[in-house]
Amino acid sequence: MKINFSPRRLAKSLMWRCFAWSDMRFRLRSGLEVPVANRHEMATFREIFIQQEYDDFLDRLPAPKTVLDLGCNSGFFAVQILNRSRILEAKAPPPKLVLVDANAQAVARAKAVLQESGAGVEPTFITGLIGGRSTESGTFYVAPASAESSAQHRVKHARAVQVSGVNLEDLMRSHFPDGLDLIKCDIEGGEELLVREWADQVQKARALLVEWHGFDGTWDAFESHLQSLGFQCVMERPAGKYKNALFLRTHD
């Protein structure tokens, strides 16, 4: 068996192993800080804050005052929402944020990230699975990289855990009784289930920013279903092997 003793490969491996001890953090234009704990978070940081993967979608919206983040991962999207709010509307109150993830470790990390950001906000954090209306609990596959965890698609080395289901109707009633500005949805394949099972709750949002994974159904069917709910796709583009898209509600 051939063993690769490449000094470059060894140095890279050691760098990532030591990364978690480095207390790496980045200061954003607004003054908020983003702590980055490992290479997976560094990839997410690069996507959201350097490549600004979501910014041109968000530029098409008024600065959202109420945001439901489904699939919050490490909380970086929420920090970017707060960062943009501070820049665009410096004197306005910070937006109301509810962050949801089926991965308890991701929720704990998101709490830490928001606390360390310096935003001085108190979002609501919920650990739970977005399933059907009758789903009390379901299997969720926790991957080494939090962004690859999913209830729909099991990657290598993922472990199965049971997670309580989220009653989206109760969530909306408790936190967004008058509707909300934005639902961001990155739930690794669960977006199809979200718009089918919780259509009446999705309709309470003025905008839906979704990462579509295509594990269940076609893009045309997904877009057509949202059109039937009163949403229009105003922007879409590939995101790796998936697709990011922004839908705006045009009528009730």
C-alpha atoms as a PDB file:
ATOM      1  CA  MET A   1       0.000   0.000   0.000  1.00  0.00           C
ATOM      2  CA  LYS A   2       1.334   3.381  -0.988  1.00  0.00           C
ATOM      3  CA  ILE A   3       1.370   5.980   1.792  1.00  0.00           C
ATOM      4  CA  ASN A   4       1.381   9.675   0.970  1.00  0.00           C
ATOM      5  CA  PHE A   5       3.953  11.482   3.148  1.00  0.00           C
ATOM      6  CA  SER A   6       3.520  14.797   1.344  1.00  0.00           C
ATOM      7  CA  PRO A   7       4.756  17.588   3.683  1.00  0.00           C
ATOM      8  CA  ARG A   8       2.089  19.879   2.277  1.00  0.00           C
ATOM      9  CA  ARG A   9      -0.673  17.385   3.046  1.00  0.00           C
ATOM     10  CA  LEU A  10       0.674  16.784   6.544  1.00  0.00           C
ATOM     11  CA  ALA A  11       0.928  20.508   7.249  1.00  0.00           C
ATOM     12  CA  LYS A  12      -2.638  21.039   6.065  1.00  0.00           C
ATOM     13  CA  SER A  13      -3.896  18.213   8.277  1.00  0.00           C
ATOM     14  CA  LEU A  14      -2.088  19.604  11.330  1.00  0.00           C
ATOM     15  CA  MET A  15      -3.378  23.100  10.578  1.00  0.00           C
ATOM     16  CA  TRP A  16      -7.005  21.975  10.659  1.00  0.00           C
ATOM     17  CA  ARG A  17      -6.454  19.923  13.833  1.00  0.00           C
ATOM     18  CA  CYS A  18      -5.016  22.971  15.592  1.00  0.00           C
ATOM     19  CA  PHE A  19      -7.680  25.293  14.192  1.00  0.00           C
ATOM     20  CA  ALA A  20     -10.168  24.608  17.003  1.00  0.00           C
ATOM     21  CA  TRP A  21      -7.643  25.929  19.561  1.00  0.00           C
ATOM     22  CA  SER A  22      -6.922  29.156  17.718  1.00  0.00           C
ATOM     23  CA  ASP A  23      -9.971  31.240  18.800  1.00  0.00           C
ATOM     24  CA  MET A  24     -10.317  32.510  15.243  1.00  0.00           C
ATOM     25  CA  ARG A  25     -12.809  35.346  14.820  1.00  0.00           C
ATOM     26  CA  PHE A  26     -13.518  37.918  12.146  1.00  0.00           C
ATOM     27  CA  ARG A  27     -14.849  41.460  12.580  1.00  0.00           C
ATOM     28  CA  LEU A  28     -17.550  42.479  10.118  1.00  0.00           C
ATOM     29  CA  ARG A  29     -18.152  45.940   8.685  1.00  0.00           C
ATOM     30  CA  SER A  30     -20.901  46.601  11.258  1.00  0.00           C
ATOM     31  CA  GLY A  31     -18.564  45.776  14.145  1.00  0.00           C
ATOM     32  CA  LEU A  32     -20.105  42.365  14.822  1.00  0.00           C
ATOM     33  CA  GLU A  33     -17.718  39.457  15.225  1.00  0.00           C
ATOM     34  CA  VAL A  34     -17.963  35.925  13.852  1.00  0.00           C
ATOM     35  CA  PRO A  35     -16.132  33.163  15.756  1.00  0.00           C
ATOM     36  CA  VAL A  36     -14.997  30.293  13.520  1.00  0.00           C
ATOM     37  CA  ALA A  37     -14.249  27.001  15.254  1.00  0.00           C
ATOM     38  CA  ASN A  38     -13.317  24.509  12.520  1.00  0.00           C
ATOM     39  CA  ARG A  39     -12.858  24.019   8.791  1.00  0.00           C
ATOM     40  CA  HIS A  40     -16.549  23.326   8.227  1.00  0.00           C
ATOM     41  CA  GLU A  41     -17.435  26.682   9.789  1.00  0.00           C
ATOM     42  CA  MET A  42     -14.693  28.311   7.752  1.00  0.00           C
ATOM     43  CA  ALA A  43     -16.358  26.999   4.587  1.00  0.00           C
ATOM     44  CA  THR A  44     -19.696  28.437   5.738  1.00  0.00           C
ATOM     45  CA  PHE A  45     -18.052  31.746   6.688  1.00  0.00           C
ATOM     46  CA  ARG A  46     -16.496  31.961   3.241  1.00  0.00           C
ATOM     47  CA  GLU A  47     -19.845  31.238   1.573  1.00  0.00           C
ATOM     48  CA  ILE A  48     -21.885  33.773   3.564  1.00  0.00           C
ATOM     49  CA  PHE A  49     -19.474  36.614   4.319  1.00  0.00           C
ATOM     50  CA  ILE A  50     -16.806  36.467   1.597  1.00  0.00           C
ATOM     51  CA  GLN A  51     -18.669  35.106  -1.423  1.00  0.00           C
ATOM     52  CA  GLN A  52     -21.837  36.767  -0.034  1.00  0.00           C
ATOM     53  CA  GLU A  53     -23.948  33.896  -1.307  1.00  0.00           C
ATOM     54  CA  TYR A  54     -27.202  35.352   0.020  1.00  0.00           C
ATOM     55  CA  ASP A  55     -26.605  39.091  -0.317  1.00  0.00           C
ATOM     56  CA  ASP A  56     -27.954  39.674  -3.808  1.00  0.00           C
ATOM     57  CA  PHE A  57     -31.113  37.802  -2.823  1.00  0.00           C
ATOM     58  CA  LEU A  58     -31.472  39.921   0.319  1.00  0.00           C
ATOM     59  CA  ASP A  59     -30.793  43.074  -1.696  1.00  0.00           C
ATOM     60  CA  ARG A  60     -34.141  42.484  -3.406  1.00  0.00           C
ATOM     61  CA  LEU A  61     -35.964  42.799  -0.069  1.00  0.00           C
ATOM     62  CA  PRO A  62     -36.493  45.581   2.438  1.00  0.00           C
ATOM     63  CA  ALA A  63     -34.344  44.849   5.487  1.00  0.00           C
ATOM     64  CA  PRO A  64     -36.374  42.096   7.203  1.00  0.00           C
ATOM     65  CA  LYS A  65     -37.675  42.822  10.699  1.00  0.00           C
ATOM     66  CA  THR A  66     -38.870  39.279  11.409  1.00  0.00           C
ATOM     67  CA  VAL A  67     -36.930  36.202  10.304  1.00  0.00           C
ATOM     68  CA  LEU A  68     -37.470  32.466  10.751  1.00  0.00           C
ATOM     69  CA  ASP A  69     -34.232  30.597  10.043  1.00  0.00           C
ATOM     70  CA  LEU A  70     -35.019  26.926   9.325  1.00  0.00           C
ATOM     71  CA  GLY A  71     -31.757  25.007   9.309  1.00  0.00           C
ATOM     72  CA  CYS A  72     -29.757  27.601  11.211  1.00  0.00           C
ATOM     73  CA  ASN A  73     -26.572  25.497  11.328  1.00  0.00           C
ATOM     74  CA  SER A  74     -23.955  27.547  13.234  1.00  0.00           C
ATOM     75  CA  GLY A  75     -25.977  30.773  13.136  1.00  0.00           C
ATOM     76  CA  PHE A  76     -23.885  32.577  10.524  1.00  0.00           C
ATOM     77  CA  PHE A  77     -26.897  33.519   8.373  1.00  0.00           C
ATOM     78  CA  ALA A  78     -28.537  35.159  11.397  1.00  0.00           C
ATOM     79  CA  VAL A  79     -25.344  37.131  12.065  1.00  0.00           C
ATOM     80  CA  GLN A  80     -25.347  38.326   8.465  1.00  0.00           C
ATOM     81  CA  ILE A  81     -28.969  39.467   8.830  1.00  0.00           C
ATOM     82  CA  LEU A  82     -27.960  41.455  11.923  1.00  0.00           C
ATOM     83  CA  ASN A  83     -24.837  42.753  10.177  1.00  0.00           C
ATOM     84  CA  ARG A  84     -26.846  44.014   7.205  1.00  0.00           C
ATOM     85  CA  SER A  85     -29.497  45.525   9.484  1.00  0.00           C
ATOM     86  CA  ARG A  86     -26.861  47.534  11.357  1.00  0.00           C
ATOM     87  CA  ILE A  87     -25.356  48.800   8.107  1.00  0.00           C
ATOM     88  CA  LEU A  88     -28.598  49.579   6.283  1.00  0.00           C
ATOM     89  CA  GLU A  89     -30.652  50.866   9.224  1.00  0.00           C
ATOM     90  CA  ALA A  90     -28.234  51.775  11.975  1.00  0.00           C
ATOM     91  CA  LYS A  91     -30.841  53.328  14.278  1.00  0.00           C
ATOM     92  CA  ALA A  92     -33.543  50.698  13.785  1.00  0.00           C
ATOM     93  CA  PRO A  93     -34.172  47.984  16.390  1.00  0.00           C
ATOM     94  CA  PRO A  94     -32.542  44.655  15.507  1.00  0.00           C
ATOM     95  CA  PRO A  95     -34.737  42.142  13.703  1.00  0.00           C
ATOM     96  CA  LYS A  96     -36.611  39.457  15.604  1.00  0.00           C
ATOM     97  CA  LEU A  97     -34.980  36.082  14.953  1.00  0.00           C
ATOM     98  CA  VAL A  98     -36.159  32.512  15.519  1.00  0.00           C
ATOM     99  CA  LEU A  99     -33.544  29.876  14.716  1.00  0.00           C
ATOM    100  CA  VAL A 100     -34.469  26.212  14.226  1.00  0.00           C
ATOM    101  CA  ASP A 101     -32.329  23.142  13.600  1.00  0.00           C
ATOM    102  CA  ALA A 102     -32.811  19.428  14.132  1.00  0.00           C
ATOM    103  CA  ASN A 103     -29.168  19.103  15.178  1.00  0.00           C
ATOM    104  CA  ALA A 104     -28.905  19.930  18.889  1.00  0.00           C
ATOM    105  CA  GLN A 105     -25.162  20.546  18.552  1.00  0.00           C
ATOM    106  CA  ALA A 106     -25.799  23.073  15.782  1.00  0.00           C
ATOM    107  CA  VAL A 107     -28.349  24.897  17.927  1.00  0.00           C
ATOM    108  CA  ALA A 108     -25.904  25.047  20.842  1.00  0.00           C
ATOM    109  CA  ARG A 109     -23.223  26.385  18.528  1.00  0.00           C
ATOM    110  CA  ALA A 110     -25.596  28.975  17.032  1.00  0.00           C
ATOM    111  CA  LYS A 111     -26.377  30.223  20.546  1.00  0.00           C
ATOM    112  CA  ALA A 112     -22.661  30.625  21.258  1.00  0.00           C
ATOM    113  CA  VAL A 113     -22.009  32.361  17.930  1.00  0.00           C
ATOM    114  CA  LEU A 114     -24.828  34.883  18.452  1.00  0.00           C
ATOM    115  CA  GLN A 115     -23.698  35.558  22.025  1.00  0.00           C
ATOM    116  CA  GLU A 116     -20.090  36.087  20.947  1.00  0.00           C
ATOM    117  CA  SER A 117     -21.037  38.245  17.953  1.00  0.00           C
ATOM    118  CA  GLY A 118     -21.620  41.310  20.129  1.00  0.00           C
ATOM    119  CA  ALA A 119     -25.064  41.898  18.625  1.00  0.00           C
ATOM    120  CA  GLY A 120     -26.704  42.115  22.032  1.00  0.00           C
ATOM    121  CA  VAL A 121     -29.835  40.310  20.844  1.00  0.00           C
ATOM    122  CA  GLU A 122     -31.760  37.398  22.313  1.00  0.00           C
ATOM    123  CA  PRO A 123     -33.048  35.209  19.475  1.00  0.00           C
ATOM    124  CA  THR A 124     -35.273  32.217  20.097  1.00  0.00           C
ATOM    125  CA  PHE A 125     -33.562  28.873  19.517  1.00  0.00           C
ATOM    126  CA  ILE A 126     -35.522  25.683  18.838  1.00  0.00           C
ATOM    127  CA  THR A 127     -34.203  22.148  18.434  1.00  0.00           C
ATOM    128  CA  GLY A 128     -36.612  20.211  16.263  1.00  0.00           C
ATOM    129  CA  LEU A 129     -37.339  18.508  12.978  1.00  0.00           C
ATOM    130  CA  ILE A 130     -39.456  20.052  10.224  1.00  0.00           C
ATOM    131  CA  GLY A 131     -41.690  17.116   9.333  1.00  0.00           C
ATOM    132  CA  GLY A 132     -45.329  16.473   8.609  1.00  0.00           C
ATOM    133  CA  ARG A 133     -48.190  17.835  10.674  1.00  0.00           C
ATOM    134  CA  SER A 134     -48.568  14.520  12.479  1.00  0.00           C
ATOM    135  CA  THR A 135     -44.827  14.046  13.064  1.00  0.00           C
ATOM    136  CA  GLU A 136     -44.141  13.870  16.789  1.00  0.00           C
ATOM    137  CA  SER A 137     -40.561  12.741  16.228  1.00  0.00           C
ATOM    138  CA  GLY A 138     -38.400  11.487  13.402  1.00  0.00           C
ATOM    139  CA  THR A 139     -34.984  10.176  12.460  1.00  0.00           C
ATOM    140  CA  PHE A 140     -32.328  12.773  11.746  1.00  0.00           C
ATOM    141  CA  TYR A 141     -28.843  11.945  10.447  1.00  0.00           C
ATOM    142  CA  VAL A 142     -26.148  13.999  12.163  1.00  0.00           C
ATOM    143  CA  ALA A 143     -23.085  14.300   9.918  1.00  0.00           C
ATOM    144  CA  PRO A 144     -19.552  15.351  10.930  1.00  0.00           C
ATOM    145  CA  ALA A 145     -20.156  18.551   8.959  1.00  0.00           C
ATOM    146  CA  SER A 146     -23.309  20.094  10.404  1.00  0.00           C
ATOM    147  CA  ALA A 147     -24.367  21.499   7.026  1.00  0.00           C
ATOM    148  CA  GLU A 148     -24.585  17.936   5.666  1.00  0.00           C
ATOM    149  CA  SER A 149     -26.902  16.684   8.413  1.00  0.00           C
ATOM    150  CA  SER A 150     -30.327  15.766   7.099  1.00  0.00           C
ATOM    151  CA  ALA A 151     -33.542  13.863   7.677  1.00  0.00           C
ATOM    152  CA  GLN A 152     -33.758  13.071   3.963  1.00  0.00           C
ATOM    153  CA  HIS A 153     -30.261  12.153   2.879  1.00  0.00           C
ATOM    154  CA  ARG A 154     -27.690  10.170   4.869  1.00  0.00           C
ATOM    155  CA  VAL A 155     -24.042  10.892   4.111  1.00  0.00           C
ATOM    156  CA  LYS A 156     -21.117   8.694   5.069  1.00  0.00           C
ATOM    157  CA  HIS A 157     -20.314   8.580   8.819  1.00  0.00           C
ATOM    158  CA  ALA A 158     -23.634  10.218   9.772  1.00  0.00           C
ATOM    159  CA  ARG A 159     -25.308   8.864  12.912  1.00  0.00           C
ATOM    160  CA  ALA A 160     -29.042   8.491  13.361  1.00  0.00           C
ATOM    161  CA  VAL A 161     -30.800  10.275  16.240  1.00  0.00           C
ATOM    162  CA  GLN A 162     -34.472  10.750  17.118  1.00  0.00           C
ATOM    163  CA  VAL A 163     -35.611  14.369  17.154  1.00  0.00           C
ATOM    164  CA  SER A 164     -38.929  15.881  18.181  1.00  0.00           C
ATOM    165  CA  GLY A 165     -41.007  17.380  15.384  1.00  0.00           C
ATOM    166  CA  VAL A 166     -41.675  21.122  15.207  1.00  0.00           C
ATOM    167  CA  ASN A 167     -45.303  22.194  15.099  1.00  0.00           C
ATOM    168  CA  LEU A 168     -44.922  25.111  12.731  1.00  0.00           C
ATOM    169  CA  GLU A 169     -48.444  26.355  13.399  1.00  0.00           C
ATOM    170  CA  ASP A 170     -47.701  26.669  17.131  1.00  0.00           C
ATOM    171  CA  LEU A 171     -44.371  28.323  16.363  1.00  0.00           C
ATOM    172  CA  MET A 172     -45.993  30.919  14.121  1.00  0.00           C
ATOM    173  CA  ARG A 173     -48.755  31.601  16.616  1.00  0.00           C
ATOM    174  CA  SER A 174     -46.233  32.119  19.425  1.00  0.00           C
ATOM    175  CA  HIS A 175     -43.588  34.155  17.622  1.00  0.00           C
ATOM    176  CA  PHE A 176     -45.102  35.627  14.441  1.00  0.00           C
ATOM    177  CA  PRO A 177     -48.852  36.081  15.055  1.00  0.00           C
ATOM    178  CA  ASP A 178     -49.014  38.867  12.450  1.00  0.00           C
ATOM    179  CA  GLY A 179     -46.923  37.085   9.836  1.00  0.00           C
ATOM    180  CA  LEU A 180     -43.244  37.611   9.109  1.00  0.00           C
ATOM    181  CA  ASP A 181     -40.917  39.119   6.555  1.00  0.00           C
ATOM    182  CA  LEU A 182     -38.648  36.189   5.709  1.00  0.00           C
ATOM    183  CA  ILE A 183     -38.355  32.433   6.026  1.00  0.00           C
ATOM    184  CA  LYS A 184     -34.894  31.174   5.184  1.00  0.00           C
ATOM    185  CA  CYS A 185     -34.982  27.436   4.546  1.00  0.00           C
ATOM    186  CA  ASP A 186     -31.883  25.251   4.274  1.00  0.00           C
ATOM    187  CA  ILE A 187     -33.044  21.935   5.699  1.00  0.00           C
ATOM    188  CA  GLU A 188     -31.138  19.553   3.421  1.00  0.00           C
ATOM    189  CA  GLY A 189     -34.035  18.166   1.417  1.00  0.00           C
ATOM    190  CA  GLY A 190     -36.873  18.903   3.833  1.00  0.00           C
ATOM    191  CA  GLU A 191     -37.984  21.962   1.854  1.00  0.00           C
ATOM    192  CA  GLU A 192     -40.347  19.826  -0.270  1.00  0.00           C
ATOM    193  CA  LEU A 193     -42.070  18.571   2.869  1.00  0.00           C
ATOM    194  CA  LEU A 194     -42.201  22.093   4.306  1.00  0.00           C
ATOM    195  CA  VAL A 195     -44.142  23.621   1.407  1.00  0.00           C
ATOM    196  CA  ARG A 196     -46.480  20.616   1.074  1.00  0.00           C
ATOM    197  CA  GLU A 197     -47.293  19.952   4.738  1.00  0.00           C
ATOM    198  CA  TRP A 198     -47.123  23.505   6.087  1.00  0.00           C
ATOM    199  CA  ALA A 199     -48.368  25.488   3.094  1.00  0.00           C
ATOM    200  CA  ASP A 200     -50.732  27.652   5.159  1.00  0.00           C
ATOM    201  CA  GLN A 201     -47.898  28.621   7.510  1.00  0.00           C
ATOM    202  CA  VAL A 202     -45.415  29.299   4.695  1.00  0.00           C
ATOM    203  CA  GLN A 203     -48.011  31.671   3.215  1.00  0.00           C
ATOM    204  CA  LYS A 204     -47.669  33.878   6.303  1.00  0.00           C
ATOM    205  CA  ALA A 205     -44.191  34.906   5.100  1.00  0.00           C
ATOM    206  CA  ARG A 206     -43.667  37.757   2.671  1.00  0.00           C
ATOM    207  CA  ALA A 207     -40.542  36.100   1.270  1.00  0.00           C
ATOM    208  CA  LEU A 208     -39.025  32.623   1.175  1.00  0.00           C
ATOM    209  CA  LEU A 209     -35.280  32.197   0.622  1.00  0.00           C
ATOM    210  CA  VAL A 210     -34.694  28.515   0.021  1.00  0.00           C
ATOM    211  CA  GLU A 211     -31.893  26.128  -0.825  1.00  0.00           C
ATOM    212  CA  TRP A 212     -33.529  23.443  -2.937  1.00  0.00           C
ATOM    213  CA  HIS A 213     -31.800  20.053  -2.908  1.00  0.00           C
ATOM    214  CA  GLY A 214     -33.897  18.005  -5.309  1.00  0.00           C
ATOM    215  CA  PHE A 215     -33.971  14.829  -3.225  1.00  0.00           C
ATOM    216  CA  ASP A 216     -37.740  14.528  -3.645  1.00  0.00           C
ATOM    217  CA  GLY A 217     -39.322  15.835  -6.842  1.00  0.00           C
ATOM    218  CA  THR A 218     -38.304  18.267  -9.559  1.00  0.00           C
ATOM    219  CA  TRP A 219     -37.553  21.977  -9.482  1.00  0.00           C
ATOM    220  CA  ASP A 220     -40.439  22.715 -11.867  1.00  0.00           C
ATOM    221  CA  ALA A 221     -42.896  20.950  -9.556  1.00  0.00           C
ATOM    222  CA  PHE A 222     -41.484  22.756  -6.518  1.00  0.00           C
ATOM    223  CA  GLU A 223     -41.736  26.161  -8.196  1.00  0.00           C
ATOM    224  CA  SER A 224     -45.216  25.404  -9.518  1.00  0.00           C
ATOM    225  CA  HIS A 225     -46.436  24.445  -6.047  1.00  0.00           C
ATOM    226  CA  LEU A 226     -45.145  27.698  -4.559  1.00  0.00           C
ATOM    227  CA  GLN A 227     -46.815  29.628  -7.369  1.00  0.00           C
ATOM    228  CA  SER A 228     -50.102  27.976  -6.386  1.00  0.00           C
ATOM    229  CA  LEU A 229     -49.517  29.310  -2.862  1.00  0.00           C
ATOM    230  CA  GLY A 230     -49.164  32.859  -4.169  1.00  0.00           C
ATOM    231  CA  PHE A 231     -45.355  33.076  -4.461  1.00  0.00           C
ATOM    232  CA  GLN A 232     -43.296  34.135  -7.459  1.00  0.00           C
ATOM    233  CA  CYS A 233     -39.662  33.163  -7.994  1.00  0.00           C
ATOM    234  CA  VAL A 234     -37.807  36.422  -8.549  1.00  0.00           C
ATOM    235  CA  MET A 235     -34.270  35.060  -8.543  1.00  0.00           C
ATOM    236  CA  GLU A 236     -32.555  31.688  -8.695  1.00  0.00           C
ATOM    237  CA  ARG A 237     -29.091  30.314  -9.295  1.00  0.00           C
ATOM    238  CA  PRO A 238     -27.134  27.089  -8.828  1.00  0.00           C
ATOM    239  CA  ALA A 239     -25.485  26.565  -5.456  1.00  0.00           C
ATOM    240  CA  GLY A 240     -23.052  23.730  -6.114  1.00  0.00           C
ATOM    241  CA  LYS A 241     -25.241  20.762  -7.044  1.00  0.00           C
ATOM    242  CA  TYR A 242     -28.311  22.430  -5.514  1.00  0.00           C
ATOM    243  CA  LYS A 243     -30.172  25.684  -6.170  1.00  0.00           C
ATOM    244  CA  ASN A 244     -30.767  28.876  -4.168  1.00  0.00           C
ATOM    245  CA  ALA A 245     -33.945  30.796  -4.918  1.00  0.00           C
ATOM    246  CA  LEU A 246     -35.938  33.737  -3.601  1.00  0.00           C
ATOM    247  CA  PHE A 247     -39.736  33.645  -3.726  1.00  0.00           C
ATOM    248  CA  LEU A 248     -41.910  36.678  -2.982  1.00  0.00           C
ATOM    249  CA  ARG A 249     -45.548  36.404  -1.999  1.00  0.00           C
ATOM    250  CA  THR A 250     -47.598  38.253  -4.584  1.00  0.00           C
ATOM    251  CA  HIS A 251     -51.091  37.542  -3.215  1.00  0.00           C
ATOM    252  CA  ASP A 252     -52.898  35.730  -0.405  1.00  0.00           C
END
